[in-house]
Amino acid sequence: MNRRHALFSIHIAAVLFGLTGIFGELIKASAILITAGRAGFAVLALFVFMRVQGGSVSQGLKSRQFGVLLAAGSLLAIHWITFFIAVKVGGVAIATLGFASFPAFITLSERFFFHEKVSLSEWTIVLLVTLGLLLVTPSFDFRNQATIGLAWALVSGLAFALFTLINRRAAAHIPAQQVACWENLVVAALTLPFAFGEFLHLPAINWLWIALLGVFCTALSHYLLVSSLTILNARSAGIVIALEPIYAIFFAAVLFAQYPSVRALFGGALMIGAIVWSGLRQTGKKARLAQ
């Protein structure tokens, strides 16, 4: 894979991530059922992929690594459930923009949980994201459905930030596909018991949407992301992934006529701009150090 193919792969991954909220809107089922189905189909797809590649699900795993995978999988389950609740309650645009706050939560988590030094520019990113969220917030009245949806999206962003930090340790010495397979298996194991009865009465079209969500927006998007990272650095990939809300809002407008307010769009632009600026700044800094 060359750089052009890597950039194409990461853009396709961003589009697939953006479609996640669309499927959440299309699937007429509870958030926990969508999460269980998504994880189940992703496990099947990743297992088949690893078998075709000649790999094994348990190869090289040590007992102490299962605890990390269990913790990461549990946070992934919380992230997905709260995100789909946000989609159901507040709509695709609000859910996606709220979730886009996760880089700020990563910075705060690194500072307060891991006691890592945070630079002034990183605090500036947190401030800009916070200002963007204030603009995205429809109102500060929790009787407003969109505001409740945004609150769920923020919980989703926090869970994803913690998942990302734990996942760095989980993926340190394990192939990414193997990590993803085990984490999705944890999600399925945690959610299937609560969704089993609902599965029995699920209309056929919803099975199709869940299968597409699990195979393409979970297993394939993860594979494309990992493949692109063999060429691109994490910051470059992050800049593209930050465009996910733009794709999600576009699809929601075209398919469901969900149009965010001008204020929300401005707030989203502020958040996404801050994240992209941070990625460009770090990429430029690394390039200067390499000279």
Protein backbone atom coordinates (compact mmCIF):
# COMPACT_ATOMS: atom_id res chain seq x y z
CA MET A 1 0.00 0.00 0.00
CA ASN A 2 1.34 3.45 -0.96
CA ARG A 3 0.42 6.82 0.59
CA ARG A 4 -2.36 7.49 -1.95
CA HIS A 5 -4.01 4.15 -1.19
CA ALA A 6 -3.56 4.75 2.54
CA LEU A 7 -5.29 8.14 2.32
CA PHE A 8 -8.10 6.60 0.27
CA SER A 9 -8.51 3.82 2.87
CA ILE A 10 -8.66 6.24 5.80
CA HIS A 11 -11.25 8.40 4.01
CA ILE A 12 -13.42 5.34 3.34
CA ALA A 13 -13.05 4.41 7.02
CA ALA A 14 -14.21 7.92 8.01
CA VAL A 15 -17.24 7.61 5.71
CA LEU A 16 -18.10 4.22 7.24
CA PHE A 17 -17.74 5.66 10.75
CA GLY A 18 -20.06 8.49 9.68
CA LEU A 19 -22.63 5.94 8.50
CA THR A 20 -22.81 4.40 11.98
CA GLY A 21 -25.30 6.99 13.16
CA ILE A 22 -27.33 6.54 9.98
CA PHE A 23 -27.75 2.83 10.67
CA GLY A 24 -28.62 3.70 14.27
CA GLU A 25 -31.47 5.80 12.90
CA LEU A 26 -32.57 3.17 10.35
CA ILE A 27 -32.65 0.22 12.76
CA LYS A 28 -35.95 0.19 14.63
CA ALA A 29 -34.68 -1.43 17.79
CA SER A 30 -33.19 -0.55 21.17
CA ALA A 31 -29.64 0.73 21.54
CA ILE A 32 -28.57 -2.41 23.39
CA LEU A 33 -29.90 -4.68 20.62
CA ILE A 34 -28.13 -2.63 17.93
CA THR A 35 -24.92 -2.87 19.96
CA ALA A 36 -25.26 -6.62 20.46
CA GLY A 37 -26.01 -7.25 16.80
CA ARG A 38 -23.21 -5.00 15.59
CA ALA A 39 -20.68 -6.73 17.83
CA GLY A 40 -21.90 -10.20 16.86
CA PHE A 41 -21.59 -9.63 13.12
CA ALA A 42 -18.22 -7.91 13.61
CA VAL A 43 -16.88 -10.92 15.53
CA LEU A 44 -17.98 -13.26 12.73
CA ALA A 45 -16.42 -11.07 10.03
CA LEU A 46 -13.14 -10.60 11.93
CA PHE A 47 -12.93 -14.32 12.77
CA VAL A 48 -13.38 -15.29 9.11
CA PHE A 49 -10.83 -12.69 8.04
CA MET A 50 -8.23 -13.98 10.51
CA ARG A 51 -8.80 -17.58 9.47
CA VAL A 52 -8.35 -16.66 5.80
CA GLN A 53 -5.12 -14.88 6.74
CA GLY A 54 -3.95 -17.99 8.61
CA GLY A 55 -4.20 -16.39 12.04
CA SER A 56 -5.77 -17.56 15.28
CA VAL A 57 -8.05 -15.79 17.74
CA SER A 58 -6.07 -16.91 20.79
CA GLN A 59 -2.56 -17.11 19.31
CA GLY A 60 0.03 -15.34 21.47
CA LEU A 61 -2.43 -14.12 24.09
CA LYS A 62 -1.32 -14.22 27.74
CA SER A 63 -3.65 -14.51 30.70
CA ARG A 64 -2.89 -11.01 32.00
CA GLN A 65 -3.94 -9.51 28.65
CA PHE A 66 -7.50 -10.79 28.99
CA GLY A 67 -8.17 -8.36 31.83
CA VAL A 68 -7.17 -5.42 29.66
CA LEU A 69 -9.28 -6.71 26.76
CA LEU A 70 -12.25 -7.17 29.14
CA ALA A 71 -11.92 -3.58 30.41
CA ALA A 72 -11.58 -2.18 26.88
CA GLY A 73 -14.51 -4.25 25.61
CA SER A 74 -16.70 -3.08 28.50
CA LEU A 75 -15.95 0.57 27.71
CA LEU A 76 -16.63 -0.08 24.03
CA ALA A 77 -20.04 -1.49 24.96
CA ILE A 78 -20.82 1.64 27.03
CA HIS A 79 -19.63 3.86 24.17
CA TRP A 80 -21.83 2.16 21.55
CA ILE A 81 -24.95 1.89 23.73
CA THR A 82 -24.82 5.55 24.80
CA PHE A 83 -24.07 6.68 21.24
CA PHE A 84 -27.10 4.85 19.82
CA ILE A 85 -29.27 6.23 22.63
CA ALA A 86 -28.03 9.71 21.63
CA VAL A 87 -28.99 9.01 18.00
CA LYS A 88 -32.48 7.81 18.99
CA VAL A 89 -33.10 10.74 21.34
CA GLY A 90 -31.28 13.68 19.75
CA GLY A 91 -30.75 12.73 16.11
CA VAL A 92 -27.68 11.86 14.05
CA ALA A 93 -26.13 15.35 13.90
CA ILE A 94 -26.35 16.07 17.64
CA ALA A 95 -25.10 12.56 18.53
CA THR A 96 -22.13 12.75 16.17
CA LEU A 97 -21.11 16.28 17.16
CA GLY A 98 -21.36 15.40 20.85
CA PHE A 99 -19.25 12.30 20.35
CA ALA A 100 -16.66 14.41 18.50
CA SER A 101 -15.68 15.83 21.89
CA PHE A 102 -13.69 12.68 22.67
CA PRO A 103 -10.23 14.18 21.87
CA ALA A 104 -10.81 16.74 24.64
CA PHE A 105 -11.77 13.93 27.02
CA ILE A 106 -8.57 12.08 26.06
CA THR A 107 -6.50 15.16 27.00
CA LEU A 108 -8.35 15.56 30.31
CA SER A 109 -8.06 11.85 31.10
CA GLU A 110 -4.32 11.85 30.40
CA ARG A 111 -3.92 14.79 32.77
CA PHE A 112 -6.11 13.68 35.69
CA PHE A 113 -5.97 9.87 35.49
CA PHE A 114 -2.45 9.30 34.16
CA HIS A 115 -0.85 12.55 35.43
CA GLU A 116 0.69 13.31 32.05
CA LYS A 117 1.81 16.86 31.30
CA VAL A 118 -0.60 18.76 29.06
CA SER A 119 0.74 21.64 26.97
CA LEU A 120 -0.86 25.07 26.68
CA SER A 121 -1.90 24.34 23.09
CA GLU A 122 -3.66 21.14 24.20
CA TRP A 123 -5.56 23.09 26.87
CA THR A 124 -6.51 25.53 24.09
CA ILE A 125 -7.98 22.62 22.10
CA VAL A 126 -10.03 21.59 25.15
CA LEU A 127 -11.30 25.17 25.51
CA LEU A 128 -12.26 25.41 21.82
CA VAL A 129 -14.05 22.05 21.94
CA THR A 130 -15.92 23.19 25.08
CA LEU A 131 -16.99 26.42 23.37
CA GLY A 132 -18.10 24.39 20.36
CA LEU A 133 -20.20 22.15 22.60
CA LEU A 134 -21.86 25.18 24.20
CA LEU A 135 -22.89 26.32 20.73
CA VAL A 136 -24.05 22.83 19.71
CA THR A 137 -26.24 22.54 22.83
CA PRO A 138 -29.83 23.27 21.69
CA SER A 139 -30.78 24.58 25.14
CA PHE A 140 -29.76 24.08 28.75
CA ASP A 141 -33.14 22.60 29.63
CA PHE A 142 -33.11 18.83 30.12
CA ARG A 143 -36.75 18.72 29.08
CA ASN A 144 -35.40 19.29 25.57
CA GLN A 145 -34.91 15.94 23.78
CA ALA A 146 -31.96 17.22 21.73
CA THR A 147 -30.18 18.37 24.90
CA ILE A 148 -30.71 14.95 26.48
CA GLY A 149 -29.34 13.37 23.29
CA LEU A 150 -26.25 15.57 23.47
CA ALA A 151 -25.70 14.54 27.10
CA TRP A 152 -25.75 10.87 26.08
CA ALA A 153 -23.33 11.66 23.24
CA LEU A 154 -20.92 13.26 25.73
CA VAL A 155 -21.03 10.12 27.86
CA SER A 156 -20.29 8.18 24.67
CA GLY A 157 -17.32 10.45 23.93
CA LEU A 158 -15.95 10.01 27.45
CA ALA A 159 -16.31 6.21 27.25
CA PHE A 160 -14.55 6.19 23.86
CA ALA A 161 -11.72 8.35 25.23
CA LEU A 162 -11.13 5.92 28.10
CA PHE A 163 -11.46 3.00 25.66
CA THR A 164 -8.78 4.57 23.45
CA LEU A 165 -6.38 4.99 26.35
CA ILE A 166 -6.86 1.42 27.56
CA ASN A 167 -6.75 0.10 23.99
CA ARG A 168 -3.23 1.47 23.56
CA ARG A 169 -2.12 -1.00 26.20
CA ALA A 170 -4.33 -3.80 24.88
CA ALA A 171 -2.94 -3.47 21.34
CA ALA A 172 0.68 -3.06 22.34
CA HIS A 173 1.76 -6.62 21.49
CA ILE A 174 -1.36 -8.10 19.88
CA PRO A 175 -2.42 -7.87 16.21
CA ALA A 176 -5.13 -5.24 15.78
CA GLN A 177 -7.64 -7.65 14.21
CA GLN A 178 -7.22 -9.98 17.16
CA VAL A 179 -7.75 -7.14 19.64
CA ALA A 180 -10.87 -6.00 17.77
CA CYS A 181 -12.27 -9.54 17.66
CA TRP A 182 -11.88 -10.08 21.40
CA GLU A 183 -13.23 -6.64 22.29
CA ASN A 184 -16.29 -7.16 20.09
CA LEU A 185 -16.73 -10.58 21.67
CA VAL A 186 -16.79 -8.92 25.10
CA VAL A 187 -19.39 -6.43 23.85
CA ALA A 188 -21.55 -9.26 22.47
CA ALA A 189 -21.26 -11.29 25.68
CA LEU A 190 -22.27 -8.29 27.83
CA THR A 191 -25.23 -7.20 25.70
CA LEU A 192 -26.73 -10.33 24.10
CA PRO A 193 -28.40 -11.59 27.31
CA PHE A 194 -30.36 -8.30 27.54
CA ALA A 195 -31.24 -8.21 23.83
CA PHE A 196 -32.02 -11.87 23.14
CA GLY A 197 -35.78 -11.57 23.60
CA GLU A 198 -35.94 -8.53 21.32
CA PHE A 199 -33.96 -10.37 18.63
CA LEU A 200 -36.73 -12.96 18.38
CA HIS A 201 -39.19 -10.32 17.14
CA LEU A 202 -36.83 -8.26 14.98
CA PRO A 203 -38.14 -7.56 11.42
CA ALA A 204 -35.98 -8.94 8.60
CA ILE A 205 -34.95 -5.54 7.22
CA ASN A 206 -33.43 -4.66 10.58
CA TRP A 207 -31.27 -7.78 10.42
CA LEU A 208 -29.91 -6.50 7.11
CA TRP A 209 -29.09 -3.06 8.58
CA ILE A 210 -27.41 -4.63 11.63
CA ALA A 211 -25.37 -6.97 9.42
CA LEU A 212 -24.17 -4.04 7.29
CA LEU A 213 -23.36 -2.06 10.43
CA GLY A 214 -21.34 -4.93 11.91
CA VAL A 215 -19.49 -6.01 8.78
CA PHE A 216 -18.82 -2.69 7.06
CA CYS A 217 -18.98 0.04 9.72
CA THR A 218 -17.19 -2.07 12.33
CA ALA A 219 -15.03 -4.89 10.92
CA LEU A 220 -14.15 -3.34 7.51
CA SER A 221 -13.67 0.19 8.85
CA HIS A 222 -11.34 -1.15 11.54
CA TYR A 223 -9.34 -3.09 8.95
CA LEU A 224 -9.02 0.00 6.70
CA LEU A 225 -7.95 2.13 9.64
CA VAL A 226 -5.28 -0.37 10.71
CA SER A 227 -4.07 -0.81 7.12
CA SER A 228 -3.73 2.95 6.58
CA LEU A 229 -1.74 3.29 9.80
CA THR A 230 1.01 1.14 8.28
CA ILE A 231 1.72 4.14 6.01
CA LEU A 232 0.21 7.17 7.75
CA ASN A 233 1.05 8.33 11.25
CA ALA A 234 -1.68 8.47 13.88
CA ARG A 235 -2.00 12.28 13.70
CA SER A 236 -2.53 12.24 9.93
CA ALA A 237 -5.15 9.54 10.30
CA GLY A 238 -6.80 11.47 13.12
CA ILE A 239 -7.21 14.55 10.94
CA VAL A 240 -9.23 12.53 8.43
CA ILE A 241 -11.25 10.69 11.09
CA ALA A 242 -12.16 14.10 12.57
CA LEU A 243 -14.20 14.65 9.39
CA GLU A 244 -16.61 11.88 10.45
CA PRO A 245 -19.29 14.32 11.76
CA ILE A 246 -19.32 16.09 8.40
CA TYR A 247 -20.11 12.85 6.60
CA ALA A 248 -22.72 11.91 9.22
CA ILE A 249 -24.48 15.29 9.02
CA PHE A 250 -24.47 15.14 5.21
CA PHE A 251 -26.01 11.66 5.12
CA ALA A 252 -28.57 12.59 7.79
CA ALA A 253 -29.61 15.68 5.81
CA VAL A 254 -29.96 13.73 2.55
CA LEU A 255 -31.67 10.63 3.97
CA PHE A 256 -33.73 11.94 6.90
CA ALA A 257 -33.94 15.71 6.28
CA GLN A 258 -32.26 16.27 9.65
CA TYR A 259 -30.75 19.74 9.39
CA PRO A 260 -28.78 21.13 12.34
CA SER A 261 -29.18 24.80 13.22
CA VAL A 262 -26.68 27.40 12.04
CA ARG A 263 -25.50 27.75 15.63
CA ALA A 264 -24.91 24.00 15.91
CA LEU A 265 -23.05 23.97 12.59
CA PHE A 266 -20.82 26.81 13.78
CA GLY A 267 -20.13 24.98 17.04
CA GLY A 268 -19.36 21.78 15.16
CA ALA A 269 -17.03 23.64 12.81
CA LEU A 270 -15.22 25.10 15.83
CA MET A 271 -14.78 21.64 17.38
CA ILE A 272 -13.70 19.89 14.19
CA GLY A 273 -11.42 22.80 13.26
CA ALA A 274 -9.72 22.62 16.65
CA ILE A 275 -9.15 18.87 16.31
CA VAL A 276 -7.81 19.18 12.75
CA TRP A 277 -5.59 22.11 13.78
CA SER A 278 -4.18 20.03 16.62
CA GLY A 279 -3.40 17.15 14.24
CA LEU A 280 -1.78 19.44 11.66
CA ARG A 281 0.25 21.13 14.37
CA GLN A 282 1.57 17.84 15.76
CA THR A 283 2.31 16.49 12.27
CA GLY A 284 4.25 19.65 11.40
CA LYS A 285 6.16 19.47 14.68
CA LYS A 286 7.20 15.87 14.01
CA ALA A 287 8.28 16.77 10.47
CA ARG A 288 10.51 19.57 11.79
CA LEU A 289 12.09 17.26 14.37
CA ALA A 290 12.78 14.68 11.65
CA GLN A 291 14.75 17.22 9.56
